Amino acid sequence: MKYIFQEEAEEELNRQIDYYEEIQPGLGEDFFEEVIAAIFRIMDNPTAW
């Protein structure tokens, strides 16, 4: 299964990553990894959501 972000959602995600990086270096990357992990959980169990 494949996922894509709508343009607006991807822009918002990038803004949030930048925001967290400003707070603490590496925090934006951690946030992004959690977002991707959540996407894969949804893809693995689509009826659970």
N, C-alpha and C. Protein backbone atom coordinates (compact mmCIF):
# COMPACT_ATOMS: atom_id res chain seq x y z
N MET A 1 0.85 -1.17 0.00
CA MET A 1 0.00 0.00 0.00
C MET A 1 0.90 1.24 0.00
N LYS A 2 0.43 2.29 -0.63
CA LYS A 2 1.19 3.53 -0.77
C LYS A 2 0.40 4.68 -0.16
N TYR A 3 1.09 5.67 0.33
CA TYR A 3 0.41 6.85 0.86
C TYR A 3 0.97 8.09 0.18
N ILE A 4 0.14 9.11 0.10
CA ILE A 4 0.58 10.41 -0.39
C ILE A 4 -0.07 11.48 0.48
N PHE A 5 0.58 12.61 0.55
CA PHE A 5 0.02 13.76 1.26
C PHE A 5 -0.58 14.72 0.25
N GLN A 6 -1.70 15.31 0.59
CA GLN A 6 -2.20 16.42 -0.21
C GLN A 6 -1.21 17.57 -0.02
N GLU A 7 -1.13 18.43 -1.00
CA GLU A 7 -0.15 19.51 -0.97
C GLU A 7 -0.24 20.34 0.32
N GLU A 8 -1.45 20.71 0.71
CA GLU A 8 -1.63 21.52 1.91
C GLU A 8 -1.18 20.77 3.17
N ALA A 9 -1.46 19.48 3.21
CA ALA A 9 -1.08 18.68 4.37
C ALA A 9 0.44 18.56 4.45
N GLU A 10 1.09 18.38 3.31
CA GLU A 10 2.54 18.28 3.30
C GLU A 10 3.18 19.60 3.73
N GLU A 11 2.62 20.71 3.29
CA GLU A 11 3.13 22.02 3.71
C GLU A 11 2.99 22.19 5.21
N GLU A 12 1.84 21.81 5.75
CA GLU A 12 1.62 21.91 7.19
C GLU A 12 2.59 21.00 7.96
N LEU A 13 2.79 19.79 7.47
CA LEU A 13 3.73 18.88 8.12
C LEU A 13 5.12 19.50 8.14
N ASN A 14 5.54 20.06 7.03
CA ASN A 14 6.87 20.68 6.97
C ASN A 14 6.99 21.87 7.91
N ARG A 15 5.91 22.66 8.04
CA ARG A 15 5.93 23.78 9.00
C ARG A 15 6.08 23.26 10.42
N GLN A 16 5.39 22.17 10.74
CA GLN A 16 5.49 21.62 12.08
C GLN A 16 6.87 21.05 12.36
N ILE A 17 7.44 20.39 11.37
CA ILE A 17 8.80 19.87 11.53
C ILE A 17 9.76 21.02 11.81
N ASP A 18 9.65 22.10 11.03
CA ASP A 18 10.51 23.27 11.24
C ASP A 18 10.31 23.86 12.63
N TYR A 19 9.04 23.93 13.06
CA TYR A 19 8.73 24.47 14.38
C TYR A 19 9.43 23.66 15.48
N TYR A 20 9.30 22.34 15.42
CA TYR A 20 9.92 21.50 16.44
C TYR A 20 11.44 21.57 16.37
N GLU A 21 12.00 21.72 15.18
CA GLU A 21 13.45 21.86 15.04
C GLU A 21 13.94 23.15 15.69
N GLU A 22 13.14 24.22 15.64
CA GLU A 22 13.50 25.47 16.29
C GLU A 22 13.52 25.32 17.81
N ILE A 23 12.63 24.50 18.32
CA ILE A 23 12.58 24.29 19.77
C ILE A 23 13.81 23.52 20.23
N GLN A 24 14.13 22.46 19.49
CA GLN A 24 15.28 21.62 19.86
C GLN A 24 15.76 20.87 18.61
N PRO A 25 17.03 20.99 18.27
CA PRO A 25 17.54 20.26 17.12
C PRO A 25 17.28 18.75 17.26
N GLY A 26 16.77 18.16 16.19
CA GLY A 26 16.45 16.73 16.19
C GLY A 26 15.01 16.43 16.55
N LEU A 27 14.34 17.37 17.20
CA LEU A 27 12.96 17.14 17.62
C LEU A 27 12.02 17.07 16.41
N GLY A 28 12.30 17.87 15.39
CA GLY A 28 11.49 17.81 14.18
C GLY A 28 11.60 16.47 13.49
N GLU A 29 12.80 15.93 13.47
CA GLU A 29 13.00 14.61 12.87
C GLU A 29 12.27 13.54 13.68
N ASP A 30 12.34 13.64 15.00
CA ASP A 30 11.60 12.70 15.86
C ASP A 30 10.10 12.78 15.58
N PHE A 31 9.59 14.00 15.45
CA PHE A 31 8.18 14.20 15.15
C PHE A 31 7.81 13.55 13.82
N PHE A 32 8.62 13.79 12.79
CA PHE A 32 8.37 13.22 11.47
C PHE A 32 8.36 11.69 11.53
N GLU A 33 9.30 11.11 12.26
CA GLU A 33 9.35 9.65 12.38
C GLU A 33 8.09 9.10 13.04
N GLU A 34 7.56 9.82 14.01
CA GLU A 34 6.32 9.40 14.66
C GLU A 34 5.13 9.49 13.72
N VAL A 35 5.10 10.54 12.90
CA VAL A 35 4.03 10.69 11.92
C VAL A 35 4.06 9.51 10.94
N ILE A 36 5.24 9.20 10.43
CA ILE A 36 5.38 8.10 9.48
C ILE A 36 5.01 6.76 10.15
N ALA A 37 5.43 6.58 11.40
CA ALA A 37 5.08 5.34 12.12
C ALA A 37 3.56 5.22 12.25
N ALA A 38 2.88 6.33 12.53
CA ALA A 38 1.42 6.30 12.64
C ALA A 38 0.78 5.96 11.30
N ILE A 39 1.32 6.51 10.22
CA ILE A 39 0.79 6.19 8.89
C ILE A 39 0.92 4.70 8.61
N PHE A 40 2.07 4.12 8.93
CA PHE A 40 2.25 2.69 8.69
C PHE A 40 1.34 1.84 9.56
N ARG A 41 1.07 2.29 10.81
CA ARG A 41 0.13 1.55 11.66
C ARG A 41 -1.27 1.58 11.03
N ILE A 42 -1.64 2.72 10.49
CA ILE A 42 -2.94 2.84 9.84
C ILE A 42 -3.00 1.94 8.61
N MET A 43 -1.93 1.93 7.83
CA MET A 43 -1.89 1.11 6.62
C MET A 43 -1.92 -0.38 6.97
N ASP A 44 -1.29 -0.77 8.08
CA ASP A 44 -1.28 -2.16 8.50
C ASP A 44 -2.64 -2.61 9.03
N ASN A 45 -3.38 -1.68 9.62
CA ASN A 45 -4.68 -2.00 10.23
C ASN A 45 -5.72 -0.96 9.83
N PRO A 46 -6.07 -0.87 8.57
CA PRO A 46 -6.96 0.21 8.14
C PRO A 46 -8.35 0.17 8.75
N THR A 47 -8.83 -0.98 9.14
CA THR A 47 -10.17 -1.03 9.72
C THR A 47 -10.18 -0.64 11.19
N ALA A 48 -9.03 -0.54 11.80
CA ALA A 48 -8.96 -0.16 13.20
C ALA A 48 -9.18 1.34 13.40
N TRP A 49 -9.07 2.11 12.34
CA TRP A 49 -9.15 3.55 12.46
C TRP A 49 -10.48 4.04 11.97
